[in-house]
Amino acid sequence: MTPNPQPVFRELSEPDARRILKANHLGRMAFSFQDKVDIRPVHYVFTAGWCFGRTSPGEKLLTLEHNRWVAFEVDEVTGPFDWVSVIAKGTFYQLSPEGSTHDVALYKRALRHLRTLMPETLRAGDPVSFRTEVFGISVDSLTGRSCSTQ
């Protein structure tokens, strides 16, 4: 009888964590306000220390106006003991095509990267045209763990 392989847990290096963030496009953003914690799935693009995404107007954005600190998690799971998980922590910014030169430049950068994932983003034919609010998360810290039976 062959024994089951023992799971091996390890910390990811920062380059490995960045690779996981860059390779995926669906994550979960966690945020809190007045002892209430929420977590929401969001599509995103990671580039140069920023997670860019978009969302619909509503309660989430109102909450994030009061507390812009967020945690963002991405996982790759192939089995109970075969997975990789990355957590990015940072500051949430709602981006707009209006405002200071810096703000407009960051909005344009976000839109350019979002269009690499979905070219129709905020154009005719956009399949999620109700997601009109563009955001960026400036990543301040990045950690990751993995588990493997190989």
C-alpha atoms as a PDB file:
ATOM      1  CA  MET A   1       0.000   0.000   0.000  1.00  0.00           C
ATOM      2  CA  THR A   2       1.393   3.402  -1.047  1.00  0.00           C
ATOM      3  CA  PRO A   3       1.082   6.138   1.577  1.00  0.00           C
ATOM      4  CA  ASN A   4      -0.597   9.392   0.590  1.00  0.00           C
ATOM      5  CA  PRO A   5       1.927  12.115  -0.192  1.00  0.00           C
ATOM      6  CA  GLN A   6       2.265  14.667   2.607  1.00  0.00           C
ATOM      7  CA  PRO A   7       1.317  18.229   1.715  1.00  0.00           C
ATOM      8  CA  VAL A   8       4.165  20.725   1.636  1.00  0.00           C
ATOM      9  CA  PHE A   9       3.347  24.347   2.501  1.00  0.00           C
ATOM     10  CA  ARG A  10       5.601  27.238   1.534  1.00  0.00           C
ATOM     11  CA  GLU A  11       5.709  31.012   1.393  1.00  0.00           C
ATOM     12  CA  LEU A  12       5.814  32.485  -2.113  1.00  0.00           C
ATOM     13  CA  SER A  13       8.520  34.906  -3.129  1.00  0.00           C
ATOM     14  CA  GLU A  14       7.307  38.353  -4.168  1.00  0.00           C
ATOM     15  CA  PRO A  15       8.124  37.666  -7.857  1.00  0.00           C
ATOM     16  CA  ASP A  16       6.049  34.443  -7.679  1.00  0.00           C
ATOM     17  CA  ALA A  17       3.164  36.309  -6.037  1.00  0.00           C
ATOM     18  CA  ARG A  18       3.299  38.984  -8.755  1.00  0.00           C
ATOM     19  CA  ARG A  19       3.306  36.258 -11.431  1.00  0.00           C
ATOM     20  CA  ILE A  20       0.113  34.754  -9.949  1.00  0.00           C
ATOM     21  CA  LEU A  21      -1.592  38.160  -9.822  1.00  0.00           C
ATOM     22  CA  LYS A  22      -0.588  38.895 -13.405  1.00  0.00           C
ATOM     23  CA  ALA A  23      -1.703  35.482 -14.732  1.00  0.00           C
ATOM     24  CA  ASN A  24      -5.226  35.686 -13.281  1.00  0.00           C
ATOM     25  CA  HIS A  25      -8.128  38.070 -13.832  1.00  0.00           C
ATOM     26  CA  LEU A  26     -10.687  37.210 -11.156  1.00  0.00           C
ATOM     27  CA  GLY A  27     -10.108  37.940  -7.503  1.00  0.00           C
ATOM     28  CA  ARG A  28     -11.912  38.922  -4.324  1.00  0.00           C
ATOM     29  CA  MET A  29     -11.716  42.371  -2.791  1.00  0.00           C
ATOM     30  CA  ALA A  30     -12.305  42.595   0.960  1.00  0.00           C
ATOM     31  CA  PHE A  31     -13.073  45.852   2.738  1.00  0.00           C
ATOM     32  CA  SER A  32     -14.601  47.015   5.999  1.00  0.00           C
ATOM     33  CA  PHE A  33     -16.405  49.938   7.568  1.00  0.00           C
ATOM     34  CA  GLN A  34     -17.724  50.328  11.112  1.00  0.00           C
ATOM     35  CA  ASP A  35     -17.198  46.685  12.131  1.00  0.00           C
ATOM     36  CA  LYS A  36     -18.816  45.375   8.951  1.00  0.00           C
ATOM     37  CA  VAL A  37     -16.632  43.333   6.603  1.00  0.00           C
ATOM     38  CA  ASP A  38     -17.560  42.594   3.012  1.00  0.00           C
ATOM     39  CA  ILE A  39     -15.891  40.673   0.210  1.00  0.00           C
ATOM     40  CA  ARG A  40     -16.758  40.874  -3.482  1.00  0.00           C
ATOM     41  CA  PRO A  41     -15.538  39.086  -6.607  1.00  0.00           C
ATOM     42  CA  VAL A  42     -14.078  41.425  -9.232  1.00  0.00           C
ATOM     43  CA  HIS A  43     -12.379  41.121 -12.592  1.00  0.00           C
ATOM     44  CA  TYR A  44      -9.010  42.865 -12.679  1.00  0.00           C
ATOM     45  CA  VAL A  45      -5.731  43.360 -14.489  1.00  0.00           C
ATOM     46  CA  PHE A  46      -2.472  43.561 -12.500  1.00  0.00           C
ATOM     47  CA  THR A  47       0.371  45.688 -13.781  1.00  0.00           C
ATOM     48  CA  ALA A  48       3.292  47.529 -12.183  1.00  0.00           C
ATOM     49  CA  GLY A  49       1.978  47.441  -8.622  1.00  0.00           C
ATOM     50  CA  TRP A  50      -1.661  48.231  -9.455  1.00  0.00           C
ATOM     51  CA  CYS A  51      -4.790  46.092  -9.703  1.00  0.00           C
ATOM     52  CA  PHE A  52      -7.178  47.846 -12.099  1.00  0.00           C
ATOM     53  CA  GLY A  53     -10.842  46.885 -12.357  1.00  0.00           C
ATOM     54  CA  ARG A  54     -14.314  48.242 -12.690  1.00  0.00           C
ATOM     55  CA  THR A  55     -17.561  47.943 -10.852  1.00  0.00           C
ATOM     56  CA  SER A  56     -21.113  49.232 -10.717  1.00  0.00           C
ATOM     57  CA  PRO A  57     -22.140  52.323  -8.767  1.00  0.00           C
ATOM     58  CA  GLY A  58     -23.581  51.466  -5.375  1.00  0.00           C
ATOM     59  CA  GLU A  59     -23.012  50.578  -1.742  1.00  0.00           C
ATOM     60  CA  LYS A  60     -19.509  49.173  -2.222  1.00  0.00           C
ATOM     61  CA  LEU A  61     -18.207  52.503  -3.545  1.00  0.00           C
ATOM     62  CA  LEU A  62     -19.952  54.449  -0.785  1.00  0.00           C
ATOM     63  CA  THR A  63     -18.295  52.224   1.797  1.00  0.00           C
ATOM     64  CA  LEU A  64     -14.884  52.579   0.154  1.00  0.00           C
ATOM     65  CA  GLU A  65     -15.166  56.383   0.249  1.00  0.00           C
ATOM     66  CA  HIS A  66     -14.958  56.101   4.058  1.00  0.00           C
ATOM     67  CA  ASN A  67     -12.248  53.451   4.334  1.00  0.00           C
ATOM     68  CA  ARG A  68     -10.049  52.925   1.281  1.00  0.00           C
ATOM     69  CA  TRP A  69      -7.881  50.134   2.760  1.00  0.00           C
ATOM     70  CA  VAL A  70      -8.556  46.813   1.047  1.00  0.00           C
ATOM     71  CA  ALA A  71      -7.252  43.280   0.824  1.00  0.00           C
ATOM     72  CA  PHE A  72      -7.345  41.527  -2.529  1.00  0.00           C
ATOM     73  CA  GLU A  73      -7.035  37.752  -2.876  1.00  0.00           C
ATOM     74  CA  VAL A  74      -6.398  35.514  -5.868  1.00  0.00           C
ATOM     75  CA  ASP A  75      -6.284  31.711  -5.755  1.00  0.00           C
ATOM     76  CA  GLU A  76      -5.371  28.897  -8.108  1.00  0.00           C
ATOM     77  CA  VAL A  77      -6.777  25.603  -6.821  1.00  0.00           C
ATOM     78  CA  THR A  78      -6.343  22.177  -8.396  1.00  0.00           C
ATOM     79  CA  GLY A  79      -7.006  20.045  -5.308  1.00  0.00           C
ATOM     80  CA  PRO A  80      -7.426  20.112  -1.515  1.00  0.00           C
ATOM     81  CA  PHE A  81      -3.646  20.178  -1.019  1.00  0.00           C
ATOM     82  CA  ASP A  82      -2.618  21.645  -4.358  1.00  0.00           C
ATOM     83  CA  TRP A  83      -3.170  25.385  -4.447  1.00  0.00           C
ATOM     84  CA  VAL A  84      -1.579  28.819  -4.547  1.00  0.00           C
ATOM     85  CA  SER A  85      -3.022  31.880  -2.800  1.00  0.00           C
ATOM     86  CA  VAL A  86      -1.889  35.504  -3.048  1.00  0.00           C
ATOM     87  CA  ILE A  87      -3.035  38.430  -0.907  1.00  0.00           C
ATOM     88  CA  ALA A  88      -2.363  42.009  -1.939  1.00  0.00           C
ATOM     89  CA  LYS A  89      -3.111  44.813   0.508  1.00  0.00           C
ATOM     90  CA  GLY A  90      -3.381  48.425  -0.510  1.00  0.00           C
ATOM     91  CA  THR A  91      -5.395  51.549  -1.097  1.00  0.00           C
ATOM     92  CA  PHE A  92      -8.531  51.738  -3.249  1.00  0.00           C
ATOM     93  CA  TYR A  93      -8.888  54.666  -5.659  1.00  0.00           C
ATOM     94  CA  GLN A  94     -11.982  55.411  -7.703  1.00  0.00           C
ATOM     95  CA  LEU A  95     -10.661  56.686 -11.051  1.00  0.00           C
ATOM     96  CA  SER A  96     -12.267  59.245 -13.321  1.00  0.00           C
ATOM     97  CA  PRO A  97     -11.590  60.713 -16.770  1.00  0.00           C
ATOM     98  CA  GLU A  98     -11.873  64.159 -15.144  1.00  0.00           C
ATOM     99  CA  GLY A  99      -9.753  65.883 -12.536  1.00  0.00           C
ATOM    100  CA  SER A 100      -6.044  66.562 -12.189  1.00  0.00           C
ATOM    101  CA  THR A 101      -3.582  65.613 -14.905  1.00  0.00           C
ATOM    102  CA  HIS A 102      -2.267  62.788 -12.697  1.00  0.00           C
ATOM    103  CA  ASP A 103      -5.778  61.434 -12.060  1.00  0.00           C
ATOM    104  CA  VAL A 104      -6.720  61.497 -15.749  1.00  0.00           C
ATOM    105  CA  ALA A 105      -3.444  59.798 -16.696  1.00  0.00           C
ATOM    106  CA  LEU A 106      -4.055  57.016 -14.153  1.00  0.00           C
ATOM    107  CA  TYR A 107      -7.636  56.565 -15.443  1.00  0.00           C
ATOM    108  CA  LYS A 108      -6.358  56.287 -19.039  1.00  0.00           C
ATOM    109  CA  ARG A 109      -3.689  53.810 -17.947  1.00  0.00           C
ATOM    110  CA  ALA A 110      -6.300  51.697 -16.148  1.00  0.00           C
ATOM    111  CA  LEU A 111      -8.615  51.746 -19.156  1.00  0.00           C
ATOM    112  CA  ARG A 112      -5.789  50.753 -21.504  1.00  0.00           C
ATOM    113  CA  HIS A 113      -4.940  47.746 -19.327  1.00  0.00           C
ATOM    114  CA  LEU A 114      -8.581  46.753 -18.802  1.00  0.00           C
ATOM    115  CA  ARG A 115      -9.013  46.707 -22.579  1.00  0.00           C
ATOM    116  CA  THR A 116      -6.263  44.077 -22.843  1.00  0.00           C
ATOM    117  CA  LEU A 117      -8.668  41.787 -20.984  1.00  0.00           C
ATOM    118  CA  MET A 118     -11.850  42.975 -22.685  1.00  0.00           C
ATOM    119  CA  PRO A 119     -11.374  45.303 -25.704  1.00  0.00           C
ATOM    120  CA  GLU A 120     -15.012  46.482 -25.532  1.00  0.00           C
ATOM    121  CA  THR A 121     -14.540  47.953 -22.032  1.00  0.00           C
ATOM    122  CA  LEU A 122     -16.615  51.181 -21.843  1.00  0.00           C
ATOM    123  CA  ARG A 123     -17.243  51.062 -25.611  1.00  0.00           C
ATOM    124  CA  ALA A 124     -20.125  49.933 -27.810  1.00  0.00           C
ATOM    125  CA  GLY A 125     -20.653  46.201 -27.369  1.00  0.00           C
ATOM    126  CA  ASP A 126     -19.447  46.142 -23.756  1.00  0.00           C
ATOM    127  CA  PRO A 127     -21.083  42.996 -22.276  1.00  0.00           C
ATOM    128  CA  VAL A 128     -21.089  44.535 -18.770  1.00  0.00           C
ATOM    129  CA  SER A 129     -21.837  48.154 -19.664  1.00  0.00           C
ATOM    130  CA  PHE A 130     -23.455  48.675 -16.243  1.00  0.00           C
ATOM    131  CA  ARG A 131     -19.960  48.490 -14.695  1.00  0.00           C
ATOM    132  CA  THR A 132     -19.157  52.131 -15.331  1.00  0.00           C
ATOM    133  CA  GLU A 133     -16.823  52.863 -12.401  1.00  0.00           C
ATOM    134  CA  VAL A 134     -13.099  52.285 -12.944  1.00  0.00           C
ATOM    135  CA  PHE A 135     -10.866  51.708  -9.933  1.00  0.00           C
ATOM    136  CA  GLY A 136      -7.289  51.022  -9.019  1.00  0.00           C
ATOM    137  CA  ILE A 137      -5.759  49.369  -5.987  1.00  0.00           C
ATOM    138  CA  SER A 138      -2.255  50.591  -5.273  1.00  0.00           C
ATOM    139  CA  VAL A 139      -0.602  47.487  -3.846  1.00  0.00           C
ATOM    140  CA  ASP A 140       1.402  48.245  -0.689  1.00  0.00           C
ATOM    141  CA  SER A 141       2.141  44.667   0.392  1.00  0.00           C
ATOM    142  CA  LEU A 142       2.028  41.306  -1.314  1.00  0.00           C
ATOM    143  CA  THR A 143       2.174  37.873   0.281  1.00  0.00           C
ATOM    144  CA  GLY A 144       1.453  34.388  -0.887  1.00  0.00           C
ATOM    145  CA  ARG A 145       1.393  30.767   0.179  1.00  0.00           C
ATOM    146  CA  SER A 146       1.186  27.510  -1.641  1.00  0.00           C
ATOM    147  CA  CYS A 147       0.520  23.885  -0.861  1.00  0.00           C
ATOM    148  CA  SER A 148       1.589  20.941  -2.970  1.00  0.00           C
ATOM    149  CA  THR A 149       1.586  17.163  -2.715  1.00  0.00           C
ATOM    150  CA  GLN A 150       4.215  16.739  -5.425  1.00  0.00           C
END
